Amino acid sequence: MRGMNTLNIEEYTKIFAALGHPIRLNIACGLYRNGKCNVNTMSERLNISQALVSQHVKILREAKIIEGKREGNIIWYSICSDYTKKLLECVDLNLCSCEEH
């Protein structure tokens, strides 16, 4: 994993673009604060469909902000990069996509 100072401008652009949507920022902040969460719980907390959550999760995964780890039938998502954790720490919003896992 590369440190925060070694990202190039294109990588930063992908991160900011992905976090530029309220639902995705909410998901990322919730994962930052709670460690991990699954799509079903995110859907319940955000009061939106699982399909819509999955679409946003896909964008966050493609931007290398989050990663998923399968445990049985459930995929648990978490923040996968130190630079994203640092960014979300700076933002320090009171948004949260899930409080329990």
PDB file of N, CA and C in Angstrom:
ATOM      1  N   MET A   1       0.847  -1.178   0.000  1.00  0.00           N
ATOM      2  CA  MET A   1       0.000   0.000   0.000  1.00  0.00           C
ATOM      3  C   MET A   1       0.891   1.239   0.000  1.00  0.00           C
ATOM      4  N   ARG A   2       0.546   2.188  -0.814  1.00  0.00           N
ATOM      5  CA  ARG A   2       1.336   3.407  -0.894  1.00  0.00           C
ATOM      6  C   ARG A   2       0.893   4.412   0.149  1.00  0.00           C
ATOM      7  N   GLY A   3       1.812   5.269   0.565  1.00  0.00           N
ATOM      8  CA  GLY A   3       1.491   6.316   1.521  1.00  0.00           C
ATOM      9  C   GLY A   3       0.716   7.444   0.868  1.00  0.00           C
ATOM     10  N   MET A   4       0.187   8.331   1.698  1.00  0.00           N
ATOM     11  CA  MET A   4      -0.659   9.411   1.209  1.00  0.00           C
ATOM     12  C   MET A   4       0.073  10.315   0.227  1.00  0.00           C
ATOM     13  N   ASN A   5       1.359  10.524   0.421  1.00  0.00           N
ATOM     14  CA  ASN A   5       2.098  11.459  -0.420  1.00  0.00           C
ATOM     15  C   ASN A   5       2.512  10.868  -1.760  1.00  0.00           C
ATOM     16  N   THR A   6       2.296   9.578  -1.990  1.00  0.00           N
ATOM     17  CA  THR A   6       2.742   8.974  -3.237  1.00  0.00           C
ATOM     18  C   THR A   6       1.615   8.794  -4.255  1.00  0.00           C
ATOM     19  N   LEU A   7       0.406   9.230  -3.950  1.00  0.00           N
ATOM     20  CA  LEU A   7      -0.678   9.137  -4.916  1.00  0.00           C
ATOM     21  C   LEU A   7      -0.473  10.166  -6.015  1.00  0.00           C
ATOM     22  N   ASN A   8      -0.886   9.808  -7.214  1.00  0.00           N
ATOM     23  CA  ASN A   8      -0.812  10.794  -8.280  1.00  0.00           C
ATOM     24  C   ASN A   8      -2.155  11.517  -8.387  1.00  0.00           C
ATOM     25  N   ILE A   9      -2.204  12.542  -9.181  1.00  0.00           N
ATOM     26  CA  ILE A   9      -3.386  13.400  -9.268  1.00  0.00           C
ATOM     27  C   ILE A   9      -4.608  12.635  -9.758  1.00  0.00           C
ATOM     28  N   GLU A  10      -4.419  11.672 -10.650  1.00  0.00           N
ATOM     29  CA  GLU A  10      -5.551  10.879 -11.138  1.00  0.00           C
ATOM     30  C   GLU A  10      -6.176  10.055 -10.021  1.00  0.00           C
ATOM     31  N   GLU A  11      -5.335   9.499  -9.149  1.00  0.00           N
ATOM     32  CA  GLU A  11      -5.854   8.704  -8.034  1.00  0.00           C
ATOM     33  C   GLU A  11      -6.625   9.579  -7.048  1.00  0.00           C
ATOM     34  N   TYR A  12      -6.100  10.759  -6.756  1.00  0.00           N
ATOM     35  CA  TYR A  12      -6.829  11.686  -5.887  1.00  0.00           C
ATOM     36  C   TYR A  12      -8.156  12.086  -6.526  1.00  0.00           C
ATOM     37  N   THR A  13      -8.149  12.323  -7.832  1.00  0.00           N
ATOM     38  CA  THR A  13      -9.369  12.706  -8.533  1.00  0.00           C
ATOM     39  C   THR A  13     -10.431  11.621  -8.408  1.00  0.00           C
ATOM     40  N   LYS A  14     -10.048  10.360  -8.553  1.00  0.00           N
ATOM     41  CA  LYS A  14     -10.996   9.250  -8.405  1.00  0.00           C
ATOM     42  C   LYS A  14     -11.579   9.204  -7.001  1.00  0.00           C
ATOM     43  N   ILE A  15     -10.733   9.410  -6.006  1.00  0.00           N
ATOM     44  CA  ILE A  15     -11.200   9.386  -4.619  1.00  0.00           C
ATOM     45  C   ILE A  15     -12.197  10.507  -4.375  1.00  0.00           C
ATOM     46  N   PHE A  16     -11.846  11.723  -4.752  1.00  0.00           N
ATOM     47  CA  PHE A  16     -12.740  12.851  -4.517  1.00  0.00           C
ATOM     48  C   PHE A  16     -14.025  12.743  -5.322  1.00  0.00           C
ATOM     49  N   ALA A  17     -13.937  12.241  -6.536  1.00  0.00           N
ATOM     50  CA  ALA A  17     -15.150  12.051  -7.345  1.00  0.00           C
ATOM     51  C   ALA A  17     -16.074  11.029  -6.685  1.00  0.00           C
ATOM     52  N   ALA A  18     -15.495   9.941  -6.210  1.00  0.00           N
ATOM     53  CA  ALA A  18     -16.305   8.904  -5.565  1.00  0.00           C
ATOM     54  C   ALA A  18     -16.941   9.423  -4.283  1.00  0.00           C
ATOM     55  N   LEU A  19     -16.223  10.203  -3.518  1.00  0.00           N
ATOM     56  CA  LEU A  19     -16.751  10.733  -2.253  1.00  0.00           C
ATOM     57  C   LEU A  19     -17.628  11.965  -2.461  1.00  0.00           C
ATOM     58  N   GLY A  20     -17.740  12.428  -3.703  1.00  0.00           N
ATOM     59  CA  GLY A  20     -18.508  13.629  -4.001  1.00  0.00           C
ATOM     60  C   GLY A  20     -20.010  13.433  -4.025  1.00  0.00           C
ATOM     61  N   HIS A  21     -20.477  12.232  -3.813  1.00  0.00           N
ATOM     62  CA  HIS A  21     -21.921  11.962  -3.768  1.00  0.00           C
ATOM     63  C   HIS A  21     -22.318  11.746  -2.308  1.00  0.00           C
ATOM     64  N   PRO A  22     -23.426  12.335  -1.847  1.00  0.00           N
ATOM     65  CA  PRO A  22     -23.806  12.224  -0.431  1.00  0.00           C
ATOM     66  C   PRO A  22     -23.954  10.786   0.074  1.00  0.00           C
ATOM     67  N   ILE A  23     -24.499   9.903  -0.730  1.00  0.00           N
ATOM     68  CA  ILE A  23     -24.672   8.516  -0.276  1.00  0.00           C
ATOM     69  C   ILE A  23     -23.312   7.844  -0.116  1.00  0.00           C
ATOM     70  N   ARG A  24     -22.427   8.053  -1.074  1.00  0.00           N
ATOM     71  CA  ARG A  24     -21.105   7.424  -0.983  1.00  0.00           C
ATOM     72  C   ARG A  24     -20.290   8.006   0.164  1.00  0.00           C
ATOM     73  N   LEU A  25     -20.395   9.298   0.381  1.00  0.00           N
ATOM     74  CA  LEU A  25     -19.682   9.908   1.509  1.00  0.00           C
ATOM     75  C   LEU A  25     -20.242   9.368   2.826  1.00  0.00           C
ATOM     76  N   ASN A  26     -21.536   9.201   2.894  1.00  0.00           N
ATOM     77  CA  ASN A  26     -22.170   8.647   4.090  1.00  0.00           C
ATOM     78  C   ASN A  26     -21.696   7.215   4.331  1.00  0.00           C
ATOM     79  N   ILE A  27     -21.653   6.403   3.280  1.00  0.00           N
ATOM     80  CA  ILE A  27     -21.168   5.028   3.408  1.00  0.00           C
ATOM     81  C   ILE A  27     -19.719   5.023   3.898  1.00  0.00           C
ATOM     82  N   ALA A  28     -18.872   5.830   3.277  1.00  0.00           N
ATOM     83  CA  ALA A  28     -17.454   5.864   3.654  1.00  0.00           C
ATOM     84  C   ALA A  28     -17.268   6.343   5.092  1.00  0.00           C
ATOM     85  N   CYS A  29     -17.999   7.375   5.498  1.00  0.00           N
ATOM     86  CA  CYS A  29     -17.887   7.861   6.875  1.00  0.00           C
ATOM     87  C   CYS A  29     -18.360   6.802   7.862  1.00  0.00           C
ATOM     88  N   GLY A  30     -19.431   6.119   7.525  1.00  0.00           N
ATOM     89  CA  GLY A  30     -19.920   5.052   8.399  1.00  0.00           C
ATOM     90  C   GLY A  30     -18.909   3.933   8.542  1.00  0.00           C
ATOM     91  N   LEU A  31     -18.277   3.555   7.443  1.00  0.00           N
ATOM     92  CA  LEU A  31     -17.262   2.514   7.507  1.00  0.00           C
ATOM     93  C   LEU A  31     -16.037   2.985   8.273  1.00  0.00           C
ATOM     94  N   TYR A  32     -15.678   4.239   8.109  1.00  0.00           N
ATOM     95  CA  TYR A  32     -14.538   4.788   8.850  1.00  0.00           C
ATOM     96  C   TYR A  32     -14.817   4.734  10.357  1.00  0.00           C
ATOM     97  N   ARG A  33     -16.013   5.124  10.746  1.00  0.00           N
ATOM     98  CA  ARG A  33     -16.349   5.177  12.169  1.00  0.00           C
ATOM     99  C   ARG A  33     -16.604   3.812  12.784  1.00  0.00           C
ATOM    100  N   ASN A  34     -17.109   2.859  11.997  1.00  0.00           N
ATOM    101  CA  ASN A  34     -17.548   1.585  12.556  1.00  0.00           C
ATOM    102  C   ASN A  34     -16.697   0.396  12.154  1.00  0.00           C
ATOM    103  N   GLY A  35     -15.774   0.580  11.253  1.00  0.00           N
ATOM    104  CA  GLY A  35     -14.875  -0.507  10.882  1.00  0.00           C
ATOM    105  C   GLY A  35     -15.353  -1.348   9.720  1.00  0.00           C
ATOM    106  N   LYS A  36     -16.563  -1.892   9.816  1.00  0.00           N
ATOM    107  CA  LYS A  36     -17.064  -2.709   8.712  1.00  0.00           C
ATOM    108  C   LYS A  36     -18.587  -2.713   8.736  1.00  0.00           C
ATOM    109  N   CYS A  37     -19.155  -3.070   7.583  1.00  0.00           N
ATOM    110  CA  CYS A  37     -20.601  -3.107   7.453  1.00  0.00           C
ATOM    111  C   CYS A  37     -20.946  -3.899   6.191  1.00  0.00           C
ATOM    112  N   ASN A  38     -22.163  -4.433   6.139  1.00  0.00           N
ATOM    113  CA  ASN A  38     -22.605  -5.145   4.942  1.00  0.00           C
ATOM    114  C   ASN A  38     -23.689  -4.329   4.238  1.00  0.00           C
ATOM    115  N   VAL A  39     -23.984  -4.683   3.011  1.00  0.00           N
ATOM    116  CA  VAL A  39     -24.929  -3.929   2.181  1.00  0.00           C
ATOM    117  C   VAL A  39     -26.323  -3.901   2.813  1.00  0.00           C
ATOM    118  N   ASN A  40     -26.750  -5.004   3.393  1.00  0.00           N
ATOM    119  CA  ASN A  40     -28.069  -5.054   4.008  1.00  0.00           C
ATOM    120  C   ASN A  40     -28.200  -4.017   5.129  1.00  0.00           C
ATOM    121  N   THR A  41     -27.211  -3.946   5.991  1.00  0.00           N
ATOM    122  CA  THR A  41     -27.244  -2.981   7.092  1.00  0.00           C
ATOM    123  C   THR A  41     -27.145  -1.556   6.573  1.00  0.00           C
ATOM    124  N   MET A  42     -26.300  -1.331   5.566  1.00  0.00           N
ATOM    125  CA  MET A  42     -26.202   0.009   4.978  1.00  0.00           C
ATOM    126  C   MET A  42     -27.549   0.432   4.416  1.00  0.00           C
ATOM    127  N   SER A  43     -28.210  -0.492   3.738  1.00  0.00           N
ATOM    128  CA  SER A  43     -29.522  -0.219   3.150  1.00  0.00           C
ATOM    129  C   SER A  43     -30.527   0.187   4.215  1.00  0.00           C
ATOM    130  N   GLU A  44     -30.543  -0.540   5.320  1.00  0.00           N
ATOM    131  CA  GLU A  44     -31.456  -0.226   6.418  1.00  0.00           C
ATOM    132  C   GLU A  44     -31.148   1.126   7.035  1.00  0.00           C
ATOM    133  N   ARG A  45     -29.881   1.385   7.297  1.00  0.00           N
ATOM    134  CA  ARG A  45     -29.473   2.651   7.947  1.00  0.00           C
ATOM    135  C   ARG A  45     -29.726   3.867   7.048  1.00  0.00           C
ATOM    136  N   LEU A  46     -29.494   3.696   5.748  1.00  0.00           N
ATOM    137  CA  LEU A  46     -29.670   4.813   4.817  1.00  0.00           C
ATOM    138  C   LEU A  46     -31.098   4.925   4.297  1.00  0.00           C
ATOM    139  N   ASN A  47     -31.896   3.891   4.565  1.00  0.00           N
ATOM    140  CA  ASN A  47     -33.289   3.844   4.106  1.00  0.00           C
ATOM    141  C   ASN A  47     -33.381   3.943   2.572  1.00  0.00           C
ATOM    142  N   ILE A  48     -32.520   3.175   1.911  1.00  0.00           N
ATOM    143  CA  ILE A  48     -32.538   3.072   0.458  1.00  0.00           C
ATOM    144  C   ILE A  48     -32.408   1.592   0.087  1.00  0.00           C
ATOM    145  N   SER A  49     -32.691   1.266  -1.156  1.00  0.00           N
ATOM    146  CA  SER A  49     -32.674  -0.129  -1.584  1.00  0.00           C
ATOM    147  C   SER A  49     -31.263  -0.711  -1.564  1.00  0.00           C
ATOM    148  N   GLN A  50     -31.210  -2.038  -1.404  1.00  0.00           N
ATOM    149  CA  GLN A  50     -29.920  -2.720  -1.464  1.00  0.00           C
ATOM    150  C   GLN A  50     -29.270  -2.552  -2.832  1.00  0.00           C
ATOM    151  N   ALA A  51     -30.093  -2.520  -3.881  1.00  0.00           N
ATOM    152  CA  ALA A  51     -29.554  -2.346  -5.234  1.00  0.00           C
ATOM    153  C   ALA A  51     -28.836  -1.003  -5.362  1.00  0.00           C
ATOM    154  N   LEU A  52     -29.426   0.047  -4.809  1.00  0.00           N
ATOM    155  CA  LEU A  52     -28.800   1.368  -4.875  1.00  0.00           C
ATOM    156  C   LEU A  52     -27.524   1.410  -4.042  1.00  0.00           C
ATOM    157  N   VAL A  53     -27.550   0.809  -2.852  1.00  0.00           N
ATOM    158  CA  VAL A  53     -26.336   0.734  -2.035  1.00  0.00           C
ATOM    159  C   VAL A  53     -25.250  -0.004  -2.801  1.00  0.00           C
ATOM    160  N   SER A  54     -25.604  -1.120  -3.429  1.00  0.00           N
ATOM    161  CA  SER A  54     -24.620  -1.908  -4.180  1.00  0.00           C
ATOM    162  C   SER A  54     -23.988  -1.098  -5.305  1.00  0.00           C
ATOM    163  N   GLN A  55     -24.772  -0.270  -5.976  1.00  0.00           N
ATOM    164  CA  GLN A  55     -24.226   0.579  -7.042  1.00  0.00           C
ATOM    165  C   GLN A  55     -23.187   1.545  -6.484  1.00  0.00           C
ATOM    166  N   HIS A  56     -23.495   2.141  -5.330  1.00  0.00           N
ATOM    167  CA  HIS A  56     -22.557   3.084  -4.717  1.00  0.00           C
ATOM    168  C   HIS A  56     -21.323   2.370  -4.167  1.00  0.00           C
ATOM    169  N   VAL A  57     -21.522   1.187  -3.593  1.00  0.00           N
ATOM    170  CA  VAL A  57     -20.400   0.399  -3.093  1.00  0.00           C
ATOM    171  C   VAL A  57     -19.450   0.045  -4.241  1.00  0.00           C
ATOM    172  N   LYS A  58     -20.003  -0.281  -5.392  1.00  0.00           N
ATOM    173  CA  LYS A  58     -19.173  -0.605  -6.559  1.00  0.00           C
ATOM    174  C   LYS A  58     -18.268   0.566  -6.931  1.00  0.00           C
ATOM    175  N   ILE A  59     -18.809   1.762  -6.919  1.00  0.00           N
ATOM    176  CA  ILE A  59     -18.020   2.957  -7.250  1.00  0.00           C
ATOM    177  C   ILE A  59     -16.923   3.175  -6.214  1.00  0.00           C
ATOM    178  N   LEU A  60     -17.246   2.994  -4.946  1.00  0.00           N
ATOM    179  CA  LEU A  60     -16.243   3.143  -3.888  1.00  0.00           C
ATOM    180  C   LEU A  60     -15.146   2.083  -4.004  1.00  0.00           C
ATOM    181  N   ARG A  61     -15.525   0.873  -4.389  1.00  0.00           N
ATOM    182  CA  ARG A  61     -14.536  -0.187  -4.587  1.00  0.00           C
ATOM    183  C   ARG A  61     -13.633   0.134  -5.771  1.00  0.00           C
ATOM    184  N   GLU A  62     -14.220   0.604  -6.866  1.00  0.00           N
ATOM    185  CA  GLU A  62     -13.439   0.932  -8.060  1.00  0.00           C
ATOM    186  C   GLU A  62     -12.456   2.068  -7.794  1.00  0.00           C
ATOM    187  N   ALA A  63     -12.813   2.974  -6.890  1.00  0.00           N
ATOM    188  CA  ALA A  63     -11.927   4.081  -6.526  1.00  0.00           C
ATOM    189  C   ALA A  63     -10.909   3.659  -5.471  1.00  0.00           C
ATOM    190  N   LYS A  64     -10.953   2.372  -5.076  1.00  0.00           N
ATOM    191  CA  LYS A  64     -10.031   1.811  -4.076  1.00  0.00           C
ATOM    192  C   LYS A  64     -10.158   2.503  -2.727  1.00  0.00           C
ATOM    193  N   ILE A  65     -11.394   2.869  -2.390  1.00  0.00           N
ATOM    194  CA  ILE A  65     -11.684   3.465  -1.088  1.00  0.00           C
ATOM    195  C   ILE A  65     -12.080   2.381  -0.101  1.00  0.00           C
ATOM    196  N   ILE A  66     -12.863   1.411  -0.574  1.00  0.00           N
ATOM    197  CA  ILE A  66     -13.302   0.319   0.288  1.00  0.00           C
ATOM    198  C   ILE A  66     -12.968  -1.020  -0.354  1.00  0.00           C
ATOM    199  N   GLU A  67     -12.997  -2.053   0.476  1.00  0.00           N
ATOM    200  CA  GLU A  67     -12.807  -3.416   0.000  1.00  0.00           C
ATOM    201  C   GLU A  67     -13.809  -4.305   0.712  1.00  0.00           C
ATOM    202  N   GLY A  68     -14.120  -5.422   0.093  1.00  0.00           N
ATOM    203  CA  GLY A  68     -15.049  -6.370   0.681  1.00  0.00           C
ATOM    204  C   GLY A  68     -14.375  -7.689   0.988  1.00  0.00           C
ATOM    205  N   LYS A  69     -14.748  -8.263   2.128  1.00  0.00           N
ATOM    206  CA  LYS A  69     -14.250  -9.582   2.520  1.00  0.00           C
ATOM    207  C   LYS A  69     -15.443 -10.470   2.827  1.00  0.00           C
ATOM    208  N   ARG A  70     -15.503 -11.594   2.125  1.00  0.00           N
ATOM    209  CA  ARG A  70     -16.629 -12.515   2.278  1.00  0.00           C
ATOM    210  C   ARG A  70     -16.451 -13.373   3.525  1.00  0.00           C
ATOM    211  N   GLU A  71     -17.540 -13.464   4.288  1.00  0.00           N
ATOM    212  CA  GLU A  71     -17.629 -14.387   5.417  1.00  0.00           C
ATOM    213  C   GLU A  71     -18.938 -15.145   5.228  1.00  0.00           C
ATOM    214  N   GLY A  72     -18.844 -16.343   4.713  1.00  0.00           N
ATOM    215  CA  GLY A  72     -20.052 -17.112   4.396  1.00  0.00           C
ATOM    216  C   GLY A  72     -20.809 -16.437   3.266  1.00  0.00           C
ATOM    217  N   ASN A  73     -22.077 -16.113   3.507  1.00  0.00           N
ATOM    218  CA  ASN A  73     -22.900 -15.457   2.492  1.00  0.00           C
ATOM    219  C   ASN A  73     -22.851 -13.934   2.568  1.00  0.00           C
ATOM    220  N   ILE A  74     -22.109 -13.394   3.513  1.00  0.00           N
ATOM    221  CA  ILE A  74     -22.093 -11.944   3.735  1.00  0.00           C
ATOM    222  C   ILE A  74     -20.742 -11.365   3.315  1.00  0.00           C
ATOM    223  N   ILE A  75     -20.797 -10.233   2.626  1.00  0.00           N
ATOM    224  CA  ILE A  75     -19.578  -9.492   2.309  1.00  0.00           C
ATOM    225  C   ILE A  75     -19.524  -8.289   3.242  1.00  0.00           C
ATOM    226  N   TRP A  76     -18.452  -8.217   4.009  1.00  0.00           N
ATOM    227  CA  TRP A  76     -18.235  -7.104   4.933  1.00  0.00           C
ATOM    228  C   TRP A  76     -17.312  -6.101   4.255  1.00  0.00           C
ATOM    229  N   TYR A  77     -17.746  -4.853   4.190  1.00  0.00           N
ATOM    230  CA  TYR A  77     -16.965  -3.796   3.555  1.00  0.00           C
ATOM    231  C   TYR A  77     -16.269  -2.969   4.616  1.00  0.00           C
ATOM    232  N   SER A  78     -15.074  -2.500   4.277  1.00  0.00           N
ATOM    233  CA  SER A  78     -14.307  -1.640   5.172  1.00  0.00           C
ATOM    234  C   SER A  78     -13.439  -0.707   4.334  1.00  0.00           C
ATOM    235  N   ILE A  79     -12.943   0.335   4.964  1.00  0.00           N
ATOM    236  CA  ILE A  79     -12.023   1.260   4.304  1.00  0.00           C
ATOM    237  C   ILE A  79     -10.719   0.512   4.081  1.00  0.00           C
ATOM    238  N   CYS A  80     -10.175   0.611   2.883  1.00  0.00           N
ATOM    239  CA  CYS A  80      -9.001  -0.212   2.567  1.00  0.00           C
ATOM    240  C   CYS A  80      -7.704   0.568   2.447  1.00  0.00           C
ATOM    241  N   SER A  81      -7.730   1.870   2.618  1.00  0.00           N
ATOM    242  CA  SER A  81      -6.486   2.615   2.436  1.00  0.00           C
ATOM    243  C   SER A  81      -6.273   3.617   3.563  1.00  0.00           C
ATOM    244  N   ASP A  82      -5.027   3.729   3.967  1.00  0.00           N
ATOM    245  CA  ASP A  82      -4.681   4.675   5.026  1.00  0.00           C
ATOM    246  C   ASP A  82      -4.950   6.115   4.601  1.00  0.00           C
ATOM    247  N   TYR A  83      -4.695   6.428   3.319  1.00  0.00           N
ATOM    248  CA  TYR A  83      -4.913   7.805   2.878  1.00  0.00           C
ATOM    249  C   TYR A  83      -6.386   8.176   2.909  1.00  0.00           C
ATOM    250  N   THR A  84      -7.274   7.224   2.642  1.00  0.00           N
ATOM    251  CA  THR A  84      -8.710   7.513   2.732  1.00  0.00           C
ATOM    252  C   THR A  84      -9.120   7.677   4.183  1.00  0.00           C
ATOM    253  N   LYS A  85      -8.566   6.859   5.075  1.00  0.00           N
ATOM    254  CA  LYS A  85      -8.855   7.008   6.502  1.00  0.00           C
ATOM    255  C   LYS A  85      -8.441   8.395   6.987  1.00  0.00           C
ATOM    256  N   LYS A  86      -7.273   8.851   6.541  1.00  0.00           N
ATOM    257  CA  LYS A  86      -6.799  10.185   6.936  1.00  0.00           C
ATOM    258  C   LYS A  86      -7.725  11.271   6.398  1.00  0.00           C
ATOM    259  N   LEU A  87      -8.160  11.119   5.169  1.00  0.00           N
ATOM    260  CA  LEU A  87      -9.071  12.090   4.571  1.00  0.00           C
ATOM    261  C   LEU A  87     -10.386  12.147   5.334  1.00  0.00           C
ATOM    262  N   LEU A  88     -10.956  10.967   5.622  1.00  0.00           N
ATOM    263  CA  LEU A  88     -12.227  10.924   6.345  1.00  0.00           C
ATOM    264  C   LEU A  88     -12.076  11.429   7.775  1.00  0.00           C
ATOM    265  N   GLU A  89     -10.935  11.216   8.362  1.00  0.00           N
ATOM    266  CA  GLU A  89     -10.675  11.757   9.694  1.00  0.00           C
ATOM    267  C   GLU A  89     -10.700  13.290   9.659  1.00  0.00           C
ATOM    268  N   CYS A  90     -10.136  13.858   8.608  1.00  0.00           N
ATOM    269  CA  CYS A  90     -10.140  15.320   8.462  1.00  0.00           C
ATOM    270  C   CYS A  90     -11.549  15.851   8.252  1.00  0.00           C
ATOM    271  N   VAL A  91     -12.348  15.133   7.489  1.00  0.00           N
ATOM    272  CA  VAL A  91     -13.718  15.559   7.227  1.00  0.00           C
ATOM    273  C   VAL A  91     -14.532  15.506   8.518  1.00  0.00           C
ATOM    274  N   ASP A  92     -14.357  14.428   9.284  1.00  0.00           N
ATOM    275  CA  ASP A  92     -14.983  14.229  10.586  1.00  0.00           C
ATOM    276  C   ASP A  92     -16.455  14.622  10.606  1.00  0.00           C
ATOM    277  N   LEU A  93     -17.221  14.030   9.708  1.00  0.00           N
ATOM    278  CA  LEU A  93     -18.652  14.285   9.646  1.00  0.00           C
ATOM    279  C   LEU A  93     -19.397  13.438  10.660  1.00  0.00           C
ATOM    280  N   ASN A  94     -20.613  13.827  10.981  1.00  0.00           N
ATOM    281  CA  ASN A  94     -21.457  13.034  11.851  1.00  0.00           C
ATOM    282  C   ASN A  94     -22.368  12.121  11.060  1.00  0.00           C
ATOM    283  N   LEU A  95     -21.968  11.793   9.827  1.00  0.00           N
ATOM    284  CA  LEU A  95     -22.730  10.881   8.988  1.00  0.00           C
ATOM    285  C   LEU A  95     -22.299   9.460   9.271  1.00  0.00           C
ATOM    286  N   CYS A  96     -23.236   8.549   9.191  1.00  0.00           N
ATOM    287  CA  CYS A  96     -22.887   7.170   9.463  1.00  0.00           C
ATOM    288  C   CYS A  96     -23.852   6.249   8.744  1.00  0.00           C
ATOM    289  N   SER A  97     -23.342   5.317   7.946  1.00  0.00           N
ATOM    290  CA  SER A  97     -24.208   4.401   7.222  1.00  0.00           C
ATOM    291  C   SER A  97     -24.591   3.193   8.044  1.00  0.00           C
ATOM    292  N   CYS A  98     -23.831   2.852   9.048  1.00  0.00           N
ATOM    293  CA  CYS A  98     -24.230   1.747   9.932  1.00  0.00           C
ATOM    294  C   CYS A  98     -23.558   1.926  11.277  1.00  0.00           C
ATOM    295  N   GLU A  99     -24.291   1.580  12.306  1.00  0.00           N
ATOM    296  CA  GLU A  99     -23.752   1.712  13.650  1.00  0.00           C
ATOM    297  C   GLU A  99     -23.404   0.366  14.269  1.00  0.00           C
ATOM    298  N   GLU A 100     -23.956  -0.692  13.724  1.00  0.00           N
ATOM    299  CA  GLU A 100     -23.696  -2.017  14.243  1.00  0.00           C
ATOM    300  C   GLU A 100     -23.276  -2.917  13.100  1.00  0.00           C
ATOM    301  N   HIS A 101     -22.642  -3.995  13.410  1.00  0.00           N
ATOM    302  CA  HIS A 101     -22.327  -5.003  12.415  1.00  0.00           C
ATOM    303  C   HIS A 101     -22.478  -6.367  12.977  1.00  0.00           C
TER     304      HIS A 101
END
